[in-house]
Amino acid sequence: MMKIANVQFWVHDQDEALRFYTKTLGWEVRADVTMEAWNFRWLAVGPGGQDNVGLVLMPVPGPPMLDPGSSAALADLVAKGAGGTLFLETDDCQASYDELSGRGVVFNDPPTVQPYGIDTSFRDPSGNNIRLTQVLEFDPARGTAP
């Protein structure tokens, strides 16, 4: 059986990303290993209570993986939010919004009722999109959540 172990975001600064995910969001460090021979740091974080999955905070690569122009282009795309989206689920979107706002998270929009639940979004310091959703029970007769 295969399962998802880690997912990855490109980040502009691993230390800044680490502070955001651990201090601001309150997540835990899953791994922080530097491989000196390759000048490479494997840094992964994840929410407490969900030990079987991690978010790898991977620095935007430079040479030899990417030439300087490609590296700059990737960093620019990440900053614009084109690096992907992480979907988080919460039992109470408004309470999570209030708590994270108090810790300094700047949201793109307030919690809003959608056909699938209550949803809001924010970005990490590199620009990666994060959606926070309270999934509501689906009503098949209406085709939406109640």
N, C-alpha and C. Protein backbone atom coordinates (compact mmCIF):
# COMPACT_ATOMS: atom_id res chain seq x y z
N MET A 1 0.84 -1.19 0.00
CA MET A 1 0.00 0.00 0.00
C MET A 1 0.88 1.24 0.00
N MET A 2 0.55 2.18 -0.82
CA MET A 2 1.26 3.46 -0.84
C MET A 2 0.44 4.50 -0.10
N LYS A 3 1.11 5.44 0.56
CA LYS A 3 0.44 6.55 1.21
C LYS A 3 1.29 7.81 1.06
N ILE A 4 0.65 8.92 1.19
CA ILE A 4 1.37 10.19 1.11
C ILE A 4 2.13 10.39 2.41
N ALA A 5 3.43 10.64 2.29
CA ALA A 5 4.26 10.89 3.47
C ALA A 5 4.60 12.37 3.61
N ASN A 6 4.96 13.00 2.50
CA ASN A 6 5.33 14.41 2.50
C ASN A 6 4.82 15.07 1.23
N VAL A 7 4.56 16.35 1.34
CA VAL A 7 4.31 17.22 0.20
C VAL A 7 5.30 18.37 0.32
N GLN A 8 5.43 19.18 -0.72
CA GLN A 8 6.50 20.18 -0.70
C GLN A 8 6.03 21.53 -1.19
N PHE A 9 6.52 22.58 -0.53
CA PHE A 9 6.38 23.96 -0.99
C PHE A 9 7.76 24.50 -1.27
N TRP A 10 7.90 25.26 -2.36
CA TRP A 10 9.12 26.02 -2.57
C TRP A 10 9.06 27.23 -1.63
N VAL A 11 10.15 27.53 -0.97
CA VAL A 11 10.19 28.70 -0.09
C VAL A 11 11.40 29.55 -0.43
N HIS A 12 11.28 30.84 -0.17
CA HIS A 12 12.38 31.77 -0.44
C HIS A 12 13.44 31.72 0.65
N ASP A 13 13.03 31.45 1.88
CA ASP A 13 13.93 31.44 3.03
C ASP A 13 13.46 30.36 4.00
N GLN A 14 14.25 29.30 4.15
CA GLN A 14 13.82 28.19 5.02
C GLN A 14 13.65 28.62 6.47
N ASP A 15 14.52 29.47 6.98
CA ASP A 15 14.40 29.89 8.38
C ASP A 15 13.13 30.71 8.61
N GLU A 16 12.82 31.61 7.67
CA GLU A 16 11.59 32.40 7.77
C GLU A 16 10.37 31.49 7.68
N ALA A 17 10.40 30.54 6.76
CA ALA A 17 9.29 29.59 6.63
C ALA A 17 9.15 28.74 7.89
N LEU A 18 10.28 28.30 8.44
CA LEU A 18 10.25 27.51 9.67
C LEU A 18 9.59 28.30 10.81
N ARG A 19 9.95 29.56 10.97
CA ARG A 19 9.33 30.40 12.01
C ARG A 19 7.82 30.52 11.78
N PHE A 20 7.42 30.75 10.54
CA PHE A 20 6.00 30.90 10.24
C PHE A 20 5.22 29.63 10.59
N TYR A 21 5.70 28.50 10.11
CA TYR A 21 4.95 27.26 10.32
C TYR A 21 4.98 26.78 11.77
N THR A 22 6.08 27.00 12.47
CA THR A 22 6.15 26.52 13.86
C THR A 22 5.66 27.57 14.86
N LYS A 23 6.08 28.80 14.73
CA LYS A 23 5.70 29.83 15.72
C LYS A 23 4.31 30.39 15.44
N THR A 24 4.02 30.71 14.18
CA THR A 24 2.74 31.33 13.86
C THR A 24 1.62 30.31 13.76
N LEU A 25 1.84 29.23 12.99
CA LEU A 25 0.79 28.22 12.85
C LEU A 25 0.80 27.21 13.99
N GLY A 26 1.92 27.10 14.72
CA GLY A 26 1.99 26.17 15.84
C GLY A 26 2.29 24.73 15.46
N TRP A 27 2.85 24.52 14.27
CA TRP A 27 3.18 23.17 13.83
C TRP A 27 4.48 22.69 14.47
N GLU A 28 4.79 21.43 14.23
CA GLU A 28 5.99 20.78 14.78
C GLU A 28 7.01 20.52 13.68
N VAL A 29 8.27 20.48 14.07
CA VAL A 29 9.33 20.11 13.14
C VAL A 29 9.33 18.60 12.99
N ARG A 30 9.26 18.12 11.76
CA ARG A 30 9.31 16.69 11.47
C ARG A 30 10.75 16.25 11.19
N ALA A 31 11.49 17.11 10.49
CA ALA A 31 12.89 16.82 10.18
C ALA A 31 13.59 18.14 9.89
N ASP A 32 14.84 18.23 10.33
CA ASP A 32 15.68 19.37 10.01
C ASP A 32 17.11 18.85 9.94
N VAL A 33 17.48 18.42 8.73
CA VAL A 33 18.76 17.74 8.53
C VAL A 33 19.53 18.46 7.44
N THR A 34 20.77 18.81 7.74
CA THR A 34 21.63 19.44 6.74
C THR A 34 22.64 18.42 6.26
N MET A 35 22.74 18.27 4.95
CA MET A 35 23.71 17.38 4.34
C MET A 35 24.82 18.27 3.78
N GLU A 36 25.86 18.40 4.56
CA GLU A 36 26.95 19.32 4.25
C GLU A 36 27.58 19.05 2.88
N ALA A 37 27.73 17.79 2.52
CA ALA A 37 28.39 17.44 1.27
C ALA A 37 27.68 18.05 0.06
N TRP A 38 26.37 18.22 0.17
CA TRP A 38 25.59 18.76 -0.95
C TRP A 38 25.07 20.17 -0.66
N ASN A 39 25.42 20.71 0.52
CA ASN A 39 24.91 22.02 0.92
C ASN A 39 23.38 22.04 0.78
N PHE A 40 22.75 21.03 1.39
CA PHE A 40 21.31 20.82 1.24
C PHE A 40 20.67 20.60 2.60
N ARG A 41 19.57 21.27 2.84
CA ARG A 41 18.84 21.14 4.11
C ARG A 41 17.46 20.56 3.83
N TRP A 42 17.18 19.42 4.45
CA TRP A 42 15.86 18.78 4.38
C TRP A 42 15.10 19.25 5.61
N LEU A 43 14.08 20.08 5.38
CA LEU A 43 13.31 20.68 6.46
C LEU A 43 11.84 20.37 6.24
N ALA A 44 11.24 19.69 7.20
CA ALA A 44 9.83 19.32 7.09
C ALA A 44 9.11 19.65 8.40
N VAL A 45 7.88 20.12 8.27
CA VAL A 45 7.03 20.46 9.41
C VAL A 45 5.67 19.80 9.22
N GLY A 46 4.87 19.80 10.27
CA GLY A 46 3.52 19.26 10.16
C GLY A 46 2.71 19.60 11.39
N PRO A 47 1.40 19.53 11.25
CA PRO A 47 0.54 19.83 12.39
C PRO A 47 0.61 18.75 13.46
N GLY A 48 0.57 19.16 14.71
CA GLY A 48 0.55 18.22 15.82
C GLY A 48 -0.65 17.29 15.71
N GLY A 49 -0.45 16.04 16.06
CA GLY A 49 -1.53 15.06 16.01
C GLY A 49 -1.69 14.41 14.65
N GLN A 50 -0.90 14.85 13.67
CA GLN A 50 -0.94 14.23 12.35
C GLN A 50 0.50 13.89 11.96
N ASP A 51 1.06 12.94 12.71
CA ASP A 51 2.48 12.63 12.60
C ASP A 51 2.89 11.93 11.31
N ASN A 52 1.95 11.42 10.55
CA ASN A 52 2.29 10.61 9.38
C ASN A 52 2.43 11.42 8.10
N VAL A 53 2.36 12.74 8.16
CA VAL A 53 2.50 13.56 6.97
C VAL A 53 3.29 14.82 7.30
N GLY A 54 4.11 15.25 6.34
CA GLY A 54 4.90 16.46 6.56
C GLY A 54 4.87 17.37 5.35
N LEU A 55 5.11 18.63 5.61
CA LEU A 55 5.26 19.63 4.55
C LEU A 55 6.73 19.97 4.47
N VAL A 56 7.36 19.63 3.36
CA VAL A 56 8.78 19.92 3.16
C VAL A 56 8.90 21.36 2.68
N LEU A 57 9.74 22.13 3.37
CA LEU A 57 9.99 23.53 3.03
C LEU A 57 11.29 23.56 2.24
N MET A 58 11.16 23.46 0.93
CA MET A 58 12.30 23.31 0.03
C MET A 58 12.70 24.65 -0.54
N PRO A 59 13.99 25.01 -0.41
CA PRO A 59 14.41 26.29 -0.98
C PRO A 59 14.32 26.29 -2.50
N VAL A 60 13.94 27.44 -3.05
CA VAL A 60 13.94 27.58 -4.51
C VAL A 60 15.36 27.26 -4.97
N PRO A 61 15.53 26.29 -5.86
CA PRO A 61 16.88 25.85 -6.24
C PRO A 61 17.59 26.83 -7.18
N GLY A 62 18.88 26.83 -7.04
CA GLY A 62 19.75 27.55 -7.96
C GLY A 62 20.60 26.55 -8.70
N PRO A 63 21.76 26.99 -9.21
CA PRO A 63 22.66 26.06 -9.90
C PRO A 63 23.14 24.97 -8.94
N PRO A 64 23.34 23.77 -9.38
CA PRO A 64 23.29 23.29 -10.76
C PRO A 64 21.89 22.86 -11.21
N MET A 65 20.92 22.82 -10.29
CA MET A 65 19.59 22.34 -10.67
C MET A 65 18.92 23.32 -11.65
N LEU A 66 18.95 24.60 -11.34
CA LEU A 66 18.35 25.61 -12.21
C LEU A 66 19.37 26.71 -12.48
N ASP A 67 19.36 27.22 -13.69
CA ASP A 67 20.21 28.36 -14.00
C ASP A 67 19.64 29.59 -13.26
N PRO A 68 20.41 30.65 -13.07
CA PRO A 68 19.94 31.81 -12.30
C PRO A 68 18.63 32.41 -12.82
N GLY A 69 18.45 32.48 -14.12
CA GLY A 69 17.21 33.04 -14.66
C GLY A 69 16.00 32.18 -14.34
N SER A 70 16.15 30.87 -14.44
CA SER A 70 15.05 29.96 -14.12
C SER A 70 14.75 29.98 -12.63
N SER A 71 15.79 30.07 -11.81
CA SER A 71 15.60 30.15 -10.37
C SER A 71 14.82 31.41 -10.00
N ALA A 72 15.20 32.53 -10.58
CA ALA A 72 14.51 33.80 -10.32
C ALA A 72 13.06 33.73 -10.80
N ALA A 73 12.83 33.11 -11.95
CA ALA A 73 11.47 32.98 -12.47
C ALA A 73 10.61 32.12 -11.55
N LEU A 74 11.17 31.01 -11.05
CA LEU A 74 10.44 30.16 -10.12
C LEU A 74 10.13 30.91 -8.83
N ALA A 75 11.11 31.62 -8.28
CA ALA A 75 10.89 32.39 -7.06
C ALA A 75 9.79 33.42 -7.26
N ASP A 76 9.75 34.05 -8.43
CA ASP A 76 8.72 35.04 -8.73
C ASP A 76 7.35 34.39 -8.82
N LEU A 77 7.26 33.22 -9.45
CA LEU A 77 5.98 32.52 -9.54
C LEU A 77 5.48 32.09 -8.16
N VAL A 78 6.38 31.61 -7.31
CA VAL A 78 5.99 31.23 -5.95
C VAL A 78 5.43 32.44 -5.22
N ALA A 79 6.12 33.58 -5.32
CA ALA A 79 5.69 34.80 -4.65
C ALA A 79 4.29 35.24 -5.11
N LYS A 80 3.94 34.91 -6.34
CA LYS A 80 2.64 35.26 -6.88
C LYS A 80 1.57 34.23 -6.53
N GLY A 81 1.95 33.18 -5.82
CA GLY A 81 0.99 32.16 -5.42
C GLY A 81 0.81 31.03 -6.40
N ALA A 82 1.69 30.93 -7.40
CA ALA A 82 1.55 29.90 -8.43
C ALA A 82 2.29 28.62 -8.08
N GLY A 83 2.78 28.50 -6.85
CA GLY A 83 3.54 27.31 -6.47
C GLY A 83 2.69 26.16 -5.99
N GLY A 84 1.39 26.33 -5.92
CA GLY A 84 0.52 25.27 -5.44
C GLY A 84 -0.30 25.74 -4.25
N THR A 85 -1.17 24.88 -3.79
CA THR A 85 -2.05 25.20 -2.67
C THR A 85 -2.06 24.05 -1.69
N LEU A 86 -2.01 24.38 -0.41
CA LEU A 86 -2.16 23.41 0.67
C LEU A 86 -3.57 23.58 1.22
N PHE A 87 -4.32 22.49 1.29
CA PHE A 87 -5.69 22.53 1.80
C PHE A 87 -5.70 21.97 3.21
N LEU A 88 -6.06 22.81 4.17
CA LEU A 88 -6.16 22.40 5.57
C LEU A 88 -7.62 22.30 5.96
N GLU A 89 -7.92 21.40 6.86
CA GLU A 89 -9.29 21.23 7.34
C GLU A 89 -9.32 21.52 8.83
N THR A 90 -10.38 22.18 9.27
CA THR A 90 -10.56 22.51 10.68
C THR A 90 -12.00 22.21 11.08
N ASP A 91 -12.21 21.98 12.37
CA ASP A 91 -13.57 21.74 12.88
C ASP A 91 -14.37 23.02 12.99
N ASP A 92 -13.67 24.17 13.15
CA ASP A 92 -14.34 25.45 13.33
C ASP A 92 -13.54 26.54 12.62
N CYS A 93 -13.97 26.88 11.42
CA CYS A 93 -13.22 27.82 10.60
C CYS A 93 -13.12 29.19 11.26
N GLN A 94 -14.20 29.68 11.83
CA GLN A 94 -14.18 31.01 12.46
C GLN A 94 -13.23 31.04 13.65
N ALA A 95 -13.27 30.01 14.49
CA ALA A 95 -12.36 29.96 15.66
C ALA A 95 -10.91 29.88 15.21
N SER A 96 -10.62 29.07 14.19
CA SER A 96 -9.25 28.97 13.66
C SER A 96 -8.81 30.30 13.05
N TYR A 97 -9.70 30.95 12.33
CA TYR A 97 -9.43 32.26 11.74
C TYR A 97 -9.08 33.27 12.83
N ASP A 98 -9.89 33.30 13.88
CA ASP A 98 -9.66 34.24 14.99
C ASP A 98 -8.33 33.96 15.68
N GLU A 99 -8.06 32.68 15.95
CA GLU A 99 -6.81 32.31 16.62
C GLU A 99 -5.59 32.66 15.77
N LEU A 100 -5.61 32.29 14.50
CA LEU A 100 -4.46 32.55 13.64
C LEU A 100 -4.30 34.05 13.35
N SER A 101 -5.41 34.76 13.23
CA SER A 101 -5.33 36.21 13.06
C SER A 101 -4.62 36.84 14.26
N GLY A 102 -4.92 36.35 15.45
CA GLY A 102 -4.28 36.83 16.67
C GLY A 102 -2.80 36.53 16.71
N ARG A 103 -2.36 35.51 15.97
CA ARG A 103 -0.94 35.16 15.91
C ARG A 103 -0.22 35.87 14.77
N GLY A 104 -0.95 36.69 14.01
CA GLY A 104 -0.32 37.46 12.96
C GLY A 104 -0.57 37.00 11.54
N VAL A 105 -1.37 35.96 11.35
CA VAL A 105 -1.68 35.52 9.99
C VAL A 105 -2.61 36.55 9.35
N VAL A 106 -2.26 36.96 8.13
CA VAL A 106 -3.08 37.90 7.38
C VAL A 106 -3.87 37.09 6.35
N PHE A 107 -5.17 37.09 6.51
CA PHE A 107 -6.04 36.30 5.63
C PHE A 107 -6.41 37.09 4.38
N ASN A 108 -6.65 36.38 3.29
CA ASN A 108 -7.08 37.00 2.04
C ASN A 108 -8.56 37.36 2.06
N ASP A 109 -9.32 36.66 2.89
CA ASP A 109 -10.76 36.87 2.95
C ASP A 109 -11.27 36.31 4.28
N PRO A 110 -12.43 36.77 4.75
CA PRO A 110 -12.99 36.21 5.98
C PRO A 110 -13.57 34.83 5.70
N PRO A 111 -13.83 34.05 6.75
CA PRO A 111 -14.51 32.77 6.55
C PRO A 111 -15.83 33.00 5.81
N THR A 112 -16.02 32.25 4.74
CA THR A 112 -17.18 32.44 3.86
C THR A 112 -17.85 31.11 3.61
N VAL A 113 -19.17 31.09 3.68
CA VAL A 113 -19.92 29.87 3.40
C VAL A 113 -19.84 29.58 1.91
N GLN A 114 -19.46 28.36 1.60
CA GLN A 114 -19.35 27.86 0.22
C GLN A 114 -20.24 26.63 0.10
N PRO A 115 -20.47 26.12 -1.10
CA PRO A 115 -21.31 24.91 -1.24
C PRO A 115 -20.78 23.70 -0.46
N TYR A 116 -19.49 23.65 -0.19
CA TYR A 116 -18.87 22.50 0.48
C TYR A 116 -18.58 22.74 1.96
N GLY A 117 -18.74 23.97 2.42
CA GLY A 117 -18.44 24.27 3.82
C GLY A 117 -18.12 25.73 4.03
N ILE A 118 -17.31 26.02 5.03
CA ILE A 118 -16.88 27.38 5.34
C ILE A 118 -15.39 27.46 5.05
N ASP A 119 -14.97 28.49 4.33
CA ASP A 119 -13.64 28.50 3.75
C ASP A 119 -13.01 29.88 3.85
N THR A 120 -11.68 29.92 4.02
CA THR A 120 -10.90 31.15 3.98
C THR A 120 -9.51 30.79 3.46
N SER A 121 -8.67 31.80 3.25
CA SER A 121 -7.34 31.51 2.74
C SER A 121 -6.33 32.53 3.21
N PHE A 122 -5.06 32.12 3.19
CA PHE A 122 -3.94 33.00 3.50
C PHE A 122 -2.72 32.48 2.76
N ARG A 123 -1.63 33.22 2.86
CA ARG A 123 -0.38 32.81 2.22
C ARG A 123 0.73 32.74 3.25
N ASP A 124 1.71 31.89 2.97
CA ASP A 124 2.89 31.86 3.83
C ASP A 124 3.84 32.99 3.39
N PRO A 125 4.94 33.21 4.10
CA PRO A 125 5.84 34.32 3.75
C PRO A 125 6.42 34.25 2.34
N SER A 126 6.46 33.07 1.73
CA SER A 126 6.98 32.94 0.36
C SER A 126 5.90 33.20 -0.69
N GLY A 127 4.64 33.19 -0.29
CA GLY A 127 3.54 33.41 -1.22
C GLY A 127 2.70 32.19 -1.50
N ASN A 128 3.06 31.04 -0.91
CA ASN A 128 2.30 29.82 -1.13
C ASN A 128 0.89 29.95 -0.58
N ASN A 129 -0.09 29.45 -1.35
CA ASN A 129 -1.50 29.51 -0.96
C ASN A 129 -1.83 28.43 0.07
N ILE A 130 -2.61 28.82 1.06
CA ILE A 130 -3.10 27.88 2.06
C ILE A 130 -4.59 28.16 2.24
N ARG A 131 -5.40 27.14 2.05
CA ARG A 131 -6.85 27.27 2.25
C ARG A 131 -7.21 26.54 3.54
N LEU A 132 -8.09 27.13 4.29
CA LEU A 132 -8.55 26.59 5.57
C LEU A 132 -10.05 26.39 5.46
N THR A 133 -10.49 25.14 5.60
CA THR A 133 -11.89 24.80 5.34
C THR A 133 -12.50 24.01 6.48
N GLN A 134 -13.70 24.39 6.82
CA GLN A 134 -14.55 23.60 7.71
C GLN A 134 -15.55 22.91 6.80
N VAL A 135 -15.36 21.62 6.61
CA VAL A 135 -16.23 20.86 5.71
C VAL A 135 -17.55 20.60 6.43
N LEU A 136 -18.63 20.90 5.74
CA LEU A 136 -19.96 20.66 6.29
C LEU A 136 -20.57 19.44 5.62
N GLU A 137 -21.49 18.81 6.30
CA GLU A 137 -22.14 17.62 5.75
C GLU A 137 -22.84 17.97 4.45
N PHE A 138 -22.63 17.16 3.46
CA PHE A 138 -23.19 17.39 2.13
C PHE A 138 -24.65 16.99 2.11
N ASP A 139 -25.52 17.85 1.53
CA ASP A 139 -26.93 17.56 1.37
C ASP A 139 -27.19 17.19 -0.09
N PRO A 140 -27.33 15.89 -0.40
CA PRO A 140 -27.48 15.47 -1.79
C PRO A 140 -28.72 16.05 -2.46
N ALA A 141 -29.78 16.32 -1.70
CA ALA A 141 -30.99 16.87 -2.30
C ALA A 141 -30.75 18.28 -2.82
N ARG A 142 -29.94 19.04 -2.13
CA ARG A 142 -29.66 20.43 -2.55
C ARG A 142 -28.37 20.52 -3.38
N GLY A 143 -27.53 19.49 -3.28
CA GLY A 143 -26.26 19.54 -3.99
C GLY A 143 -25.23 20.42 -3.32
N THR A 144 -25.49 20.75 -2.03
CA THR A 144 -24.59 21.62 -1.28
C THR A 144 -24.54 21.17 0.17
N ALA A 145 -23.70 21.85 0.92
CA ALA A 145 -23.70 21.67 2.37
C ALA A 145 -24.87 22.47 2.92
N PRO A 146 -25.47 22.05 4.05
CA PRO A 146 -26.62 22.78 4.61
C PRO A 146 -26.23 24.17 5.07
